Amino acid sequence: HLRERLPGRRIVVFDRELGAHASSIPEPENLVLGEIRETASRFIGIDAALVHADIGTGYDDRDAVTSTWLPDLIARLLRVGGIAVSGTPLDHPLLQPLPPPPSVPPDRYFVCRRV
């Protein structure tokens, strides 16, 4: 649905493995498979307008580890003014927390703007 709403914008998809329906698979140059912590580092400085990182597991101990590296990675991917949406908190000096939409339950998603 992002492609429908943002025609003409480059959308790079990161995933551990390909499991999407054939109609949802992006072009090969916009599909990056592997562990996001390793693969996304090749895109630092891309000046992304939006980063959606729904990689939380629901296990507090695992998500705590993700929270040690994900906020910095997102801050380095986003352009100034870019927006990040994550399933885990994004505590970073360059990421300003924003309120999620009213329809989103508390602590389900975290929204930030790159300052």
N, C-alpha and C. Protein backbone atom coordinates (compact mmCIF):
# COMPACT_ATOMS: atom_id res chain seq x y z
N HIS A 1 0.81 -1.20 0.00
CA HIS A 1 0.00 0.00 0.00
C HIS A 1 0.85 1.26 0.00
N LEU A 2 2.11 1.18 0.43
CA LEU A 2 2.97 2.36 0.34
C LEU A 2 3.22 2.75 -1.11
N ARG A 3 3.41 1.76 -1.98
CA ARG A 3 3.62 2.08 -3.39
C ARG A 3 2.41 2.77 -4.00
N GLU A 4 1.22 2.37 -3.57
CA GLU A 4 0.00 3.00 -4.09
C GLU A 4 -0.12 4.44 -3.61
N ARG A 5 0.26 4.69 -2.37
CA ARG A 5 0.11 6.02 -1.79
C ARG A 5 1.29 6.95 -2.10
N LEU A 6 2.43 6.36 -2.45
CA LEU A 6 3.64 7.15 -2.72
C LEU A 6 4.22 6.80 -4.09
N PRO A 7 3.44 6.97 -5.15
CA PRO A 7 3.96 6.62 -6.47
C PRO A 7 5.17 7.47 -6.83
N GLY A 8 6.13 6.84 -7.46
CA GLY A 8 7.33 7.56 -7.86
C GLY A 8 8.40 7.65 -6.80
N ARG A 9 8.12 7.21 -5.58
CA ARG A 9 9.12 7.24 -4.50
C ARG A 9 9.83 5.89 -4.43
N ARG A 10 11.11 5.92 -4.15
CA ARG A 10 11.84 4.67 -3.96
C ARG A 10 11.50 4.10 -2.60
N ILE A 11 11.14 2.83 -2.57
CA ILE A 11 10.83 2.14 -1.33
C ILE A 11 11.75 0.93 -1.26
N VAL A 12 12.64 0.93 -0.27
CA VAL A 12 13.58 -0.17 -0.07
C VAL A 12 13.03 -1.04 1.05
N VAL A 13 12.94 -2.33 0.78
CA VAL A 13 12.38 -3.28 1.73
C VAL A 13 13.49 -4.14 2.30
N PHE A 14 13.55 -4.21 3.62
CA PHE A 14 14.50 -5.08 4.32
C PHE A 14 13.72 -6.19 4.99
N ASP A 15 14.15 -7.41 4.83
CA ASP A 15 13.50 -8.53 5.49
C ASP A 15 14.53 -9.65 5.68
N ARG A 16 14.26 -10.50 6.66
CA ARG A 16 15.18 -11.62 6.90
C ARG A 16 15.19 -12.60 5.75
N GLU A 17 13.99 -12.88 5.22
CA GLU A 17 13.87 -13.80 4.10
C GLU A 17 12.64 -13.43 3.30
N LEU A 18 12.61 -13.85 2.05
CA LEU A 18 11.49 -13.52 1.18
C LEU A 18 10.32 -14.42 1.49
N GLY A 19 9.20 -13.81 1.86
CA GLY A 19 8.00 -14.58 2.18
C GLY A 19 6.74 -13.87 1.74
N ALA A 20 6.88 -12.77 1.02
CA ALA A 20 5.73 -11.97 0.61
C ALA A 20 5.03 -12.59 -0.59
N HIS A 21 3.79 -12.21 -0.77
CA HIS A 21 3.04 -12.60 -1.96
C HIS A 21 3.74 -12.01 -3.18
N ALA A 22 3.72 -12.71 -4.29
CA ALA A 22 4.42 -12.29 -5.51
C ALA A 22 4.06 -10.86 -5.92
N SER A 23 2.83 -10.44 -5.70
CA SER A 23 2.42 -9.09 -6.09
C SER A 23 3.02 -8.00 -5.20
N SER A 24 3.60 -8.39 -4.07
CA SER A 24 4.16 -7.43 -3.14
C SER A 24 5.68 -7.38 -3.15
N ILE A 25 6.31 -8.20 -3.96
CA ILE A 25 7.77 -8.26 -3.98
C ILE A 25 8.31 -7.08 -4.79
N PRO A 26 9.20 -6.28 -4.19
CA PRO A 26 9.76 -5.15 -4.93
C PRO A 26 10.81 -5.61 -5.95
N GLU A 27 11.26 -4.67 -6.75
CA GLU A 27 12.31 -4.94 -7.70
C GLU A 27 13.55 -5.41 -6.95
N PRO A 28 14.40 -6.23 -7.58
CA PRO A 28 15.58 -6.78 -6.89
C PRO A 28 16.47 -5.71 -6.27
N GLU A 29 16.61 -4.56 -6.92
CA GLU A 29 17.49 -3.51 -6.38
C GLU A 29 16.88 -2.82 -5.15
N ASN A 30 15.60 -3.09 -4.87
CA ASN A 30 14.94 -2.50 -3.72
C ASN A 30 14.54 -3.52 -2.66
N LEU A 31 15.11 -4.72 -2.77
CA LEU A 31 14.86 -5.78 -1.80
C LEU A 31 16.19 -6.19 -1.19
N VAL A 32 16.29 -6.06 0.13
CA VAL A 32 17.52 -6.39 0.84
C VAL A 32 17.19 -7.47 1.85
N LEU A 33 17.76 -8.66 1.65
CA LEU A 33 17.48 -9.79 2.54
C LEU A 33 18.63 -10.03 3.50
N GLY A 34 18.30 -10.41 4.72
CA GLY A 34 19.30 -10.69 5.74
C GLY A 34 18.93 -10.00 7.04
N GLU A 35 19.84 -10.03 7.98
CA GLU A 35 19.63 -9.39 9.28
C GLU A 35 19.74 -7.88 9.12
N ILE A 36 18.71 -7.15 9.51
CA ILE A 36 18.65 -5.71 9.26
C ILE A 36 19.83 -4.97 9.89
N ARG A 37 20.29 -5.42 11.03
CA ARG A 37 21.42 -4.73 11.68
C ARG A 37 22.63 -4.71 10.78
N GLU A 38 22.82 -5.75 9.99
CA GLU A 38 23.97 -5.83 9.09
C GLU A 38 23.66 -5.24 7.72
N THR A 39 22.51 -5.57 7.15
CA THR A 39 22.22 -5.15 5.78
C THR A 39 21.92 -3.66 5.67
N ALA A 40 21.22 -3.09 6.64
CA ALA A 40 20.83 -1.68 6.57
C ALA A 40 22.03 -0.76 6.71
N SER A 41 23.09 -1.21 7.33
CA SER A 41 24.26 -0.35 7.51
C SER A 41 24.85 0.08 6.17
N ARG A 42 24.58 -0.68 5.11
CA ARG A 42 25.06 -0.29 3.76
C ARG A 42 24.30 0.91 3.22
N PHE A 43 23.17 1.28 3.86
CA PHE A 43 22.33 2.36 3.38
C PHE A 43 22.43 3.61 4.25
N ILE A 44 23.36 3.64 5.20
CA ILE A 44 23.52 4.81 6.06
C ILE A 44 23.82 6.02 5.18
N GLY A 45 23.12 7.09 5.46
CA GLY A 45 23.29 8.31 4.67
C GLY A 45 22.36 8.39 3.48
N ILE A 46 21.43 7.46 3.34
CA ILE A 46 20.52 7.45 2.20
C ILE A 46 19.51 8.60 2.28
N ASP A 47 19.39 9.24 3.43
CA ASP A 47 18.45 10.34 3.64
C ASP A 47 17.01 9.91 3.40
N ALA A 48 16.62 8.84 4.08
CA ALA A 48 15.27 8.31 3.95
C ALA A 48 14.25 9.29 4.52
N ALA A 49 13.10 9.39 3.88
CA ALA A 49 12.00 10.21 4.37
C ALA A 49 11.21 9.47 5.44
N LEU A 50 11.17 8.13 5.32
CA LEU A 50 10.40 7.30 6.25
C LEU A 50 11.15 5.99 6.49
N VAL A 51 11.25 5.61 7.74
CA VAL A 51 11.76 4.29 8.11
C VAL A 51 10.70 3.63 8.97
N HIS A 52 10.23 2.48 8.54
CA HIS A 52 9.27 1.70 9.32
C HIS A 52 9.98 0.43 9.75
N ALA A 53 10.24 0.30 11.03
CA ALA A 53 10.99 -0.84 11.56
C ALA A 53 10.13 -1.59 12.55
N ASP A 54 9.31 -2.46 12.05
CA ASP A 54 8.43 -3.26 12.91
C ASP A 54 9.11 -4.60 13.14
N ILE A 55 10.20 -4.56 13.89
CA ILE A 55 11.00 -5.77 14.10
C ILE A 55 10.99 -6.23 15.55
N GLY A 56 10.10 -5.66 16.35
CA GLY A 56 9.97 -6.11 17.73
C GLY A 56 9.44 -7.54 17.78
N THR A 57 9.83 -8.25 18.81
CA THR A 57 9.43 -9.65 18.93
C THR A 57 8.33 -9.88 19.97
N GLY A 58 8.14 -8.90 20.86
CA GLY A 58 7.20 -9.09 21.96
C GLY A 58 7.86 -9.72 23.18
N TYR A 59 9.13 -10.09 23.05
CA TYR A 59 9.90 -10.62 24.18
C TYR A 59 10.78 -9.49 24.69
N ASP A 60 10.54 -9.08 25.93
CA ASP A 60 11.25 -7.92 26.48
C ASP A 60 12.76 -8.05 26.41
N ASP A 61 13.30 -9.24 26.69
CA ASP A 61 14.75 -9.40 26.70
C ASP A 61 15.33 -9.24 25.28
N ARG A 62 14.68 -9.80 24.28
CA ARG A 62 15.16 -9.68 22.90
C ARG A 62 15.01 -8.25 22.39
N ASP A 63 13.87 -7.64 22.70
CA ASP A 63 13.64 -6.28 22.24
C ASP A 63 14.57 -5.29 22.92
N ALA A 64 14.98 -5.57 24.14
CA ALA A 64 15.95 -4.70 24.83
C ALA A 64 17.28 -4.70 24.09
N VAL A 65 17.68 -5.84 23.55
CA VAL A 65 18.92 -5.90 22.76
C VAL A 65 18.76 -5.08 21.49
N THR A 66 17.64 -5.23 20.81
CA THR A 66 17.38 -4.47 19.58
C THR A 66 17.43 -2.97 19.87
N SER A 67 16.91 -2.58 21.02
CA SER A 67 16.88 -1.15 21.38
C SER A 67 18.26 -0.58 21.63
N THR A 68 19.29 -1.42 21.73
CA THR A 68 20.65 -0.90 21.91
C THR A 68 21.27 -0.45 20.60
N TRP A 69 20.79 -0.95 19.45
CA TRP A 69 21.39 -0.58 18.17
C TRP A 69 20.41 0.04 17.18
N LEU A 70 19.11 -0.26 17.27
CA LEU A 70 18.15 0.21 16.27
C LEU A 70 17.99 1.73 16.25
N PRO A 71 17.87 2.43 17.38
CA PRO A 71 17.69 3.88 17.31
C PRO A 71 18.82 4.59 16.57
N ASP A 72 20.06 4.19 16.81
CA ASP A 72 21.19 4.83 16.13
C ASP A 72 21.16 4.54 14.63
N LEU A 73 20.84 3.31 14.28
CA LEU A 73 20.75 2.96 12.86
C LEU A 73 19.68 3.80 12.18
N ILE A 74 18.52 3.91 12.79
CA ILE A 74 17.43 4.69 12.20
C ILE A 74 17.83 6.15 12.07
N ALA A 75 18.45 6.72 13.10
CA ALA A 75 18.88 8.12 13.05
C ALA A 75 19.85 8.34 11.88
N ARG A 76 20.68 7.37 11.59
CA ARG A 76 21.66 7.50 10.51
C ARG A 76 21.07 7.24 9.13
N LEU A 77 19.90 6.61 9.07
CA LEU A 77 19.23 6.38 7.79
C LEU A 77 18.34 7.56 7.38
N LEU A 78 17.73 8.21 8.37
CA LEU A 78 16.75 9.26 8.10
C LEU A 78 17.39 10.58 7.71
N ARG A 79 16.67 11.32 6.87
CA ARG A 79 17.03 12.71 6.59
C ARG A 79 16.48 13.57 7.73
N VAL A 80 16.99 14.77 7.89
CA VAL A 80 16.45 15.70 8.87
C VAL A 80 14.99 15.94 8.51
N GLY A 81 14.11 15.80 9.48
CA GLY A 81 12.68 15.93 9.27
C GLY A 81 12.00 14.62 8.90
N GLY A 82 12.79 13.57 8.62
CA GLY A 82 12.24 12.26 8.29
C GLY A 82 11.54 11.64 9.49
N ILE A 83 10.65 10.72 9.21
CA ILE A 83 9.83 10.09 10.24
C ILE A 83 10.20 8.62 10.38
N ALA A 84 10.23 8.16 11.63
CA ALA A 84 10.45 6.75 11.92
C ALA A 84 9.26 6.21 12.70
N VAL A 85 8.87 5.01 12.35
CA VAL A 85 7.82 4.29 13.07
C VAL A 85 8.42 2.94 13.43
N SER A 86 8.32 2.58 14.70
CA SER A 86 8.96 1.36 15.17
C SER A 86 8.08 0.65 16.20
N GLY A 87 8.22 -0.65 16.24
CA GLY A 87 7.53 -1.43 17.26
C GLY A 87 8.29 -1.46 18.57
N THR A 88 9.49 -0.90 18.59
CA THR A 88 10.28 -0.79 19.82
C THR A 88 10.63 0.68 20.03
N PRO A 89 10.85 1.10 21.27
CA PRO A 89 11.17 2.50 21.54
C PRO A 89 12.43 2.96 20.80
N LEU A 90 12.46 4.23 20.45
CA LEU A 90 13.57 4.81 19.70
C LEU A 90 14.19 5.95 20.51
N ASP A 91 14.95 5.60 21.51
CA ASP A 91 15.58 6.59 22.39
C ASP A 91 16.93 6.98 21.79
N HIS A 92 16.99 8.19 21.23
CA HIS A 92 18.21 8.69 20.59
C HIS A 92 18.14 10.21 20.58
N PRO A 93 19.27 10.90 20.81
CA PRO A 93 19.23 12.37 20.87
C PRO A 93 18.79 13.03 19.56
N LEU A 94 18.92 12.36 18.42
CA LEU A 94 18.51 12.94 17.15
C LEU A 94 17.08 12.56 16.74
N LEU A 95 16.40 11.78 17.59
CA LEU A 95 15.04 11.36 17.29
C LEU A 95 14.08 11.96 18.30
N GLN A 96 13.22 12.84 17.81
CA GLN A 96 12.24 13.52 18.66
C GLN A 96 10.95 12.71 18.69
N PRO A 97 10.53 12.24 19.86
CA PRO A 97 9.28 11.46 19.94
C PRO A 97 8.07 12.29 19.50
N LEU A 98 7.18 11.63 18.77
CA LEU A 98 5.91 12.22 18.36
C LEU A 98 4.78 11.33 18.87
N PRO A 99 3.61 11.88 19.07
CA PRO A 99 2.50 11.02 19.50
C PRO A 99 2.03 10.15 18.34
N PRO A 100 1.72 8.90 18.62
CA PRO A 100 1.17 8.05 17.55
C PRO A 100 -0.27 8.48 17.26
N PRO A 101 -0.83 8.04 16.15
CA PRO A 101 -2.23 8.36 15.88
C PRO A 101 -3.12 7.87 17.02
N PRO A 102 -4.24 8.54 17.26
CA PRO A 102 -5.12 8.17 18.38
C PRO A 102 -5.63 6.73 18.32
N SER A 103 -5.69 6.15 17.13
CA SER A 103 -6.21 4.79 17.00
C SER A 103 -5.19 3.72 17.40
N VAL A 104 -3.94 4.12 17.64
CA VAL A 104 -2.88 3.16 17.98
C VAL A 104 -2.81 3.01 19.50
N PRO A 105 -2.90 1.78 20.00
CA PRO A 105 -2.81 1.57 21.45
C PRO A 105 -1.45 2.04 21.99
N PRO A 106 -1.43 2.53 23.24
CA PRO A 106 -0.16 2.97 23.84
C PRO A 106 0.90 1.88 23.80
N ASP A 107 2.12 2.29 23.49
CA ASP A 107 3.30 1.42 23.45
C ASP A 107 3.22 0.33 22.38
N ARG A 108 2.30 0.45 21.41
CA ARG A 108 2.27 -0.51 20.30
C ARG A 108 3.25 -0.08 19.21
N TYR A 109 3.24 1.22 18.89
CA TYR A 109 4.19 1.79 17.93
C TYR A 109 4.76 3.06 18.51
N PHE A 110 5.98 3.36 18.13
CA PHE A 110 6.67 4.55 18.56
C PHE A 110 7.01 5.36 17.31
N VAL A 111 6.68 6.65 17.35
CA VAL A 111 6.87 7.52 16.19
C VAL A 111 7.85 8.62 16.58
N CYS A 112 8.80 8.89 15.69
CA CYS A 112 9.81 9.93 15.94
C CYS A 112 10.09 10.71 14.67
N ARG A 113 10.61 11.92 14.85
CA ARG A 113 11.09 12.74 13.74
C ARG A 113 12.58 12.98 13.94
N ARG A 114 13.34 12.89 12.87
CA ARG A 114 14.79 13.16 12.92
C ARG A 114 15.01 14.66 12.98
N VAL A 115 15.70 15.11 14.02
CA VAL A 115 16.00 16.54 14.19
C VAL A 115 17.42 16.85 13.76
